Amino acid sequence: MSYIDRNLIEGERVVYRTRLHWLVFATPLVVTIVVLLPASWFLLNSLNWQGFA
């Protein structure tokens, strides 16, 4: 029994159940990759330059 089913008032019923679309999860994943890849590249390259300072 779900949270919603447990908290219905007497006489109420769930008419429609739905789930989140997969795109809702894919968008943050793509944004994370787009941000983390350049950031990690920059950090790795900046560590190489520290030895020459």
PDB file of N, CA and C in Angstrom:
ATOM      1  N   MET A   1       0.847  -1.175   0.000  1.00  0.00           N
ATOM      2  CA  MET A   1       0.000   0.000   0.000  1.00  0.00           C
ATOM      3  C   MET A   1       0.894   1.239   0.000  1.00  0.00           C
ATOM      4  N   SER A   2       0.624   2.163  -0.901  1.00  0.00           N
ATOM      5  CA  SER A   2       1.443   3.358  -1.026  1.00  0.00           C
ATOM      6  C   SER A   2       1.045   4.418   0.002  1.00  0.00           C
ATOM      7  N   TYR A   3       1.872   5.430   0.097  1.00  0.00           N
ATOM      8  CA  TYR A   3       1.620   6.550   1.018  1.00  0.00           C
ATOM      9  C   TYR A   3       0.275   7.197   0.709  1.00  0.00           C
ATOM     10  N   ILE A   4       0.010   7.399  -0.549  1.00  0.00           N
ATOM     11  CA  ILE A   4      -1.245   8.049  -0.937  1.00  0.00           C
ATOM     12  C   ILE A   4      -2.444   7.180  -0.561  1.00  0.00           C
ATOM     13  N   ASP A   5      -2.339   5.886  -0.821  1.00  0.00           N
ATOM     14  CA  ASP A   5      -3.445   4.987  -0.486  1.00  0.00           C
ATOM     15  C   ASP A   5      -3.723   4.967   1.023  1.00  0.00           C
ATOM     16  N   ARG A   6      -2.687   5.055   1.823  1.00  0.00           N
ATOM     17  CA  ARG A   6      -2.867   5.039   3.285  1.00  0.00           C
ATOM     18  C   ARG A   6      -3.504   6.325   3.805  1.00  0.00           C
ATOM     19  N   ASN A   7      -3.377   7.418   3.071  1.00  0.00           N
ATOM     20  CA  ASN A   7      -3.852   8.707   3.566  1.00  0.00           C
ATOM     21  C   ASN A   7      -5.113   9.217   2.881  1.00  0.00           C
ATOM     22  N   LEU A   8      -5.799   8.346   2.198  1.00  0.00           N
ATOM     23  CA  LEU A   8      -7.057   8.754   1.581  1.00  0.00           C
ATOM     24  C   LEU A   8      -8.145   8.848   2.644  1.00  0.00           C
ATOM     25  N   ILE A   9      -9.011   9.832   2.499  1.00  0.00           N
ATOM     26  CA  ILE A   9     -10.166   9.979   3.382  1.00  0.00           C
ATOM     27  C   ILE A   9     -11.221   8.969   2.921  1.00  0.00           C
ATOM     28  N   GLU A  10     -12.060   8.536   3.838  1.00  0.00           N
ATOM     29  CA  GLU A  10     -13.089   7.558   3.501  1.00  0.00           C
ATOM     30  C   GLU A  10     -13.928   8.061   2.323  1.00  0.00           C
ATOM     31  N   GLY A  11     -14.067   7.221   1.338  1.00  0.00           N
ATOM     32  CA  GLY A  11     -14.837   7.582   0.145  1.00  0.00           C
ATOM     33  C   GLY A  11     -13.960   8.072  -1.002  1.00  0.00           C
ATOM     34  N   GLU A  12     -12.725   8.437  -0.735  1.00  0.00           N
ATOM     35  CA  GLU A  12     -11.818   8.871  -1.794  1.00  0.00           C
ATOM     36  C   GLU A  12     -11.190   7.657  -2.465  1.00  0.00           C
ATOM     37  N   ARG A  13     -10.807   7.829  -3.713  1.00  0.00           N
ATOM     38  CA  ARG A  13     -10.110   6.767  -4.422  1.00  0.00           C
ATOM     39  C   ARG A  13      -9.148   7.387  -5.432  1.00  0.00           C
ATOM     40  N   VAL A  14      -8.116   6.657  -5.758  1.00  0.00           N
ATOM     41  CA  VAL A  14      -7.139   7.103  -6.749  1.00  0.00           C
ATOM     42  C   VAL A  14      -7.716   6.791  -8.122  1.00  0.00           C
ATOM     43  N   VAL A  15      -7.784   7.813  -8.963  1.00  0.00           N
ATOM     44  CA  VAL A  15      -8.360   7.660 -10.287  1.00  0.00           C
ATOM     45  C   VAL A  15      -7.276   7.351 -11.315  1.00  0.00           C
ATOM     46  N   TYR A  16      -6.098   7.936 -11.161  1.00  0.00           N
ATOM     47  CA  TYR A  16      -5.052   7.785 -12.170  1.00  0.00           C
ATOM     48  C   TYR A  16      -3.695   7.746 -11.497  1.00  0.00           C
ATOM     49  N   ARG A  17      -2.849   6.797 -11.854  1.00  0.00           N
ATOM     50  CA  ARG A  17      -1.473   6.710 -11.363  1.00  0.00           C
ATOM     51  C   ARG A  17      -0.534   6.907 -12.536  1.00  0.00           C
ATOM     52  N   THR A  18       0.577   7.553 -12.269  1.00  0.00           N
ATOM     53  CA  THR A  18       1.538   7.812 -13.326  1.00  0.00           C
ATOM     54  C   THR A  18       2.953   7.669 -12.801  1.00  0.00           C
ATOM     55  N   ARG A  19       3.915   7.681 -13.685  1.00  0.00           N
ATOM     56  CA  ARG A  19       5.331   7.622 -13.335  1.00  0.00           C
ATOM     57  C   ARG A  19       6.048   8.728 -14.079  1.00  0.00           C
ATOM     58  N   LEU A  20       7.261   9.030 -13.626  1.00  0.00           N
ATOM     59  CA  LEU A  20       8.057  10.060 -14.288  1.00  0.00           C
ATOM     60  C   LEU A  20       8.615   9.538 -15.601  1.00  0.00           C
ATOM     61  N   HIS A  21       8.672  10.397 -16.584  1.00  0.00           N
ATOM     62  CA  HIS A  21       9.252  10.065 -17.877  1.00  0.00           C
ATOM     63  C   HIS A  21      10.759   9.913 -17.729  1.00  0.00           C
ATOM     64  N   TRP A  22      11.379   9.025 -18.514  1.00  0.00           N
ATOM     65  CA  TRP A  22      12.812   8.771 -18.403  1.00  0.00           C
ATOM     66  C   TRP A  22      13.634  10.021 -18.692  1.00  0.00           C
ATOM     67  N   LEU A  23      13.097  10.939 -19.477  1.00  0.00           N
ATOM     68  CA  LEU A  23      13.820  12.161 -19.815  1.00  0.00           C
ATOM     69  C   LEU A  23      14.061  13.039 -18.582  1.00  0.00           C
ATOM     70  N   VAL A  24      13.200  12.914 -17.593  1.00  0.00           N
ATOM     71  CA  VAL A  24      13.381  13.667 -16.357  1.00  0.00           C
ATOM     72  C   VAL A  24      14.694  13.268 -15.684  1.00  0.00           C
ATOM     73  N   PHE A  25      15.102  12.017 -15.825  1.00  0.00           N
ATOM     74  CA  PHE A  25      16.345  11.535 -15.236  1.00  0.00           C
ATOM     75  C   PHE A  25      17.530  11.730 -16.172  1.00  0.00           C
ATOM     76  N   ALA A  26      17.310  11.699 -17.469  1.00  0.00           N
ATOM     77  CA  ALA A  26      18.396  11.812 -18.441  1.00  0.00           C
ATOM     78  C   ALA A  26      18.944  13.231 -18.522  1.00  0.00           C
ATOM     79  N   THR A  27      18.096  14.225 -18.398  1.00  0.00           N
ATOM     80  CA  THR A  27      18.537  15.612 -18.519  1.00  0.00           C
ATOM     81  C   THR A  27      19.571  15.985 -17.462  1.00  0.00           C
ATOM     82  N   PRO A  28      19.357  15.718 -16.160  1.00  0.00           N
ATOM     83  CA  PRO A  28      20.406  16.036 -15.175  1.00  0.00           C
ATOM     84  C   PRO A  28      21.684  15.235 -15.415  1.00  0.00           C
ATOM     85  N   LEU A  29      21.566  14.018 -15.905  1.00  0.00           N
ATOM     86  CA  LEU A  29      22.747  13.209 -16.200  1.00  0.00           C
ATOM     87  C   LEU A  29      23.580  13.849 -17.298  1.00  0.00           C
ATOM     88  N   VAL A  30      22.942  14.304 -18.355  1.00  0.00           N
ATOM     89  CA  VAL A  30      23.655  14.953 -19.456  1.00  0.00           C
ATOM     90  C   VAL A  30      24.290  16.256 -18.981  1.00  0.00           C
ATOM     91  N   VAL A  31      23.579  17.039 -18.215  1.00  0.00           N
ATOM     92  CA  VAL A  31      24.125  18.296 -17.694  1.00  0.00           C
ATOM     93  C   VAL A  31      25.328  18.020 -16.804  1.00  0.00           C
ATOM     94  N   THR A  32      25.254  16.997 -15.974  1.00  0.00           N
ATOM     95  CA  THR A  32      26.373  16.640 -15.103  1.00  0.00           C
ATOM     96  C   THR A  32      27.595  16.254 -15.925  1.00  0.00           C
ATOM     97  N   ILE A  33      27.394  15.467 -16.957  1.00  0.00           N
ATOM     98  CA  ILE A  33      28.514  15.063 -17.803  1.00  0.00           C
ATOM     99  C   ILE A  33      29.119  16.272 -18.507  1.00  0.00           C
ATOM    100  N   VAL A  34      28.285  17.157 -19.008  1.00  0.00           N
ATOM    101  CA  VAL A  34      28.770  18.339 -19.716  1.00  0.00           C
ATOM    102  C   VAL A  34      29.562  19.247 -18.774  1.00  0.00           C
ATOM    103  N   VAL A  35      29.210  19.281 -17.507  1.00  0.00           N
ATOM    104  CA  VAL A  35      29.919  20.131 -16.543  1.00  0.00           C
ATOM    105  C   VAL A  35      31.148  19.425 -15.988  1.00  0.00           C
ATOM    106  N   LEU A  36      31.039  18.141 -15.648  1.00  0.00           N
ATOM    107  CA  LEU A  36      32.135  17.438 -14.993  1.00  0.00           C
ATOM    108  C   LEU A  36      33.296  17.101 -15.928  1.00  0.00           C
ATOM    109  N   LEU A  37      33.022  16.791 -17.168  1.00  0.00           N
ATOM    110  CA  LEU A  37      34.120  16.473 -18.083  1.00  0.00           C
ATOM    111  C   LEU A  37      35.071  17.647 -18.278  1.00  0.00           C
ATOM    112  N   PRO A  38      34.589  18.836 -18.613  1.00  0.00           N
ATOM    113  CA  PRO A  38      35.517  19.964 -18.740  1.00  0.00           C
ATOM    114  C   PRO A  38      36.180  20.333 -17.408  1.00  0.00           C
ATOM    115  N   ALA A  39      35.442  20.214 -16.316  1.00  0.00           N
ATOM    116  CA  ALA A  39      36.016  20.555 -15.005  1.00  0.00           C
ATOM    117  C   ALA A  39      37.134  19.583 -14.648  1.00  0.00           C
ATOM    118  N   SER A  40      36.929  18.297 -14.884  1.00  0.00           N
ATOM    119  CA  SER A  40      37.972  17.317 -14.571  1.00  0.00           C
ATOM    120  C   SER A  40      39.169  17.502 -15.497  1.00  0.00           C
ATOM    121  N   TRP A  41      38.935  17.809 -16.759  1.00  0.00           N
ATOM    122  CA  TRP A  41      40.043  18.060 -17.695  1.00  0.00           C
ATOM    123  C   TRP A  41      40.860  19.264 -17.219  1.00  0.00           C
ATOM    124  N   PHE A  42      40.171  20.317 -16.820  1.00  0.00           N
ATOM    125  CA  PHE A  42      40.862  21.515 -16.338  1.00  0.00           C
ATOM    126  C   PHE A  42      41.680  21.216 -15.083  1.00  0.00           C
ATOM    127  N   LEU A  43      41.111  20.474 -14.151  1.00  0.00           N
ATOM    128  CA  LEU A  43      41.831  20.145 -12.920  1.00  0.00           C
ATOM    129  C   LEU A  43      43.045  19.263 -13.194  1.00  0.00           C
ATOM    130  N   LEU A  44      42.902  18.293 -14.060  1.00  0.00           N
ATOM    131  CA  LEU A  44      44.031  17.420 -14.382  1.00  0.00           C
ATOM    132  C   LEU A  44      45.146  18.190 -15.085  1.00  0.00           C
ATOM    133  N   ASN A  45      44.787  19.091 -15.974  1.00  0.00           N
ATOM    134  CA  ASN A  45      45.799  19.883 -16.664  1.00  0.00           C
ATOM    135  C   ASN A  45      46.428  20.923 -15.749  1.00  0.00           C
ATOM    136  N   SER A  46      45.693  21.462 -14.820  1.00  0.00           N
ATOM    137  CA  SER A  46      46.268  22.451 -13.900  1.00  0.00           C
ATOM    138  C   SER A  46      47.230  21.770 -12.930  1.00  0.00           C
ATOM    139  N   LEU A  47      47.002  20.501 -12.602  1.00  0.00           N
ATOM    140  CA  LEU A  47      47.932  19.778 -11.735  1.00  0.00           C
ATOM    141  C   LEU A  47      49.260  19.559 -12.448  1.00  0.00           C
ATOM    142  N   ASN A  48      49.234  19.351 -13.748  1.00  0.00           N
ATOM    143  CA  ASN A  48      50.473  19.167 -14.505  1.00  0.00           C
ATOM    144  C   ASN A  48      51.302  20.447 -14.536  1.00  0.00           C
ATOM    145  N   TRP A  49      50.648  21.603 -14.542  1.00  0.00           N
ATOM    146  CA  TRP A  49      51.359  22.882 -14.604  1.00  0.00           C
ATOM    147  C   TRP A  49      51.977  23.269 -13.271  1.00  0.00           C
ATOM    148  N   GLN A  50      51.543  22.696 -12.174  1.00  0.00           N
ATOM    149  CA  GLN A  50      52.073  23.087 -10.861  1.00  0.00           C
ATOM    150  C   GLN A  50      53.556  22.775 -10.720  1.00  0.00           C
ATOM    151  N   GLY A  51      54.039  21.748 -11.385  1.00  0.00           N
ATOM    152  CA  GLY A  51      55.437  21.377 -11.294  1.00  0.00           C
ATOM    153  C   GLY A  51      56.363  22.381 -11.984  1.00  0.00           C
ATOM    154  N   PHE A  52      55.833  23.222 -12.866  1.00  0.00           N
ATOM    155  CA  PHE A  52      56.652  24.165 -13.623  1.00  0.00           C
ATOM    156  C   PHE A  52      56.671  25.557 -13.013  1.00  0.00           C
ATOM    157  N   ALA A  53      55.943  25.776 -11.944  1.00  0.00           N
ATOM    158  CA  ALA A  53      55.854  27.111 -11.348  1.00  0.00           C
ATOM    159  C   ALA A  53      57.099  27.476 -10.582  1.00  0.00           C
TER     160      ALA A  53
END
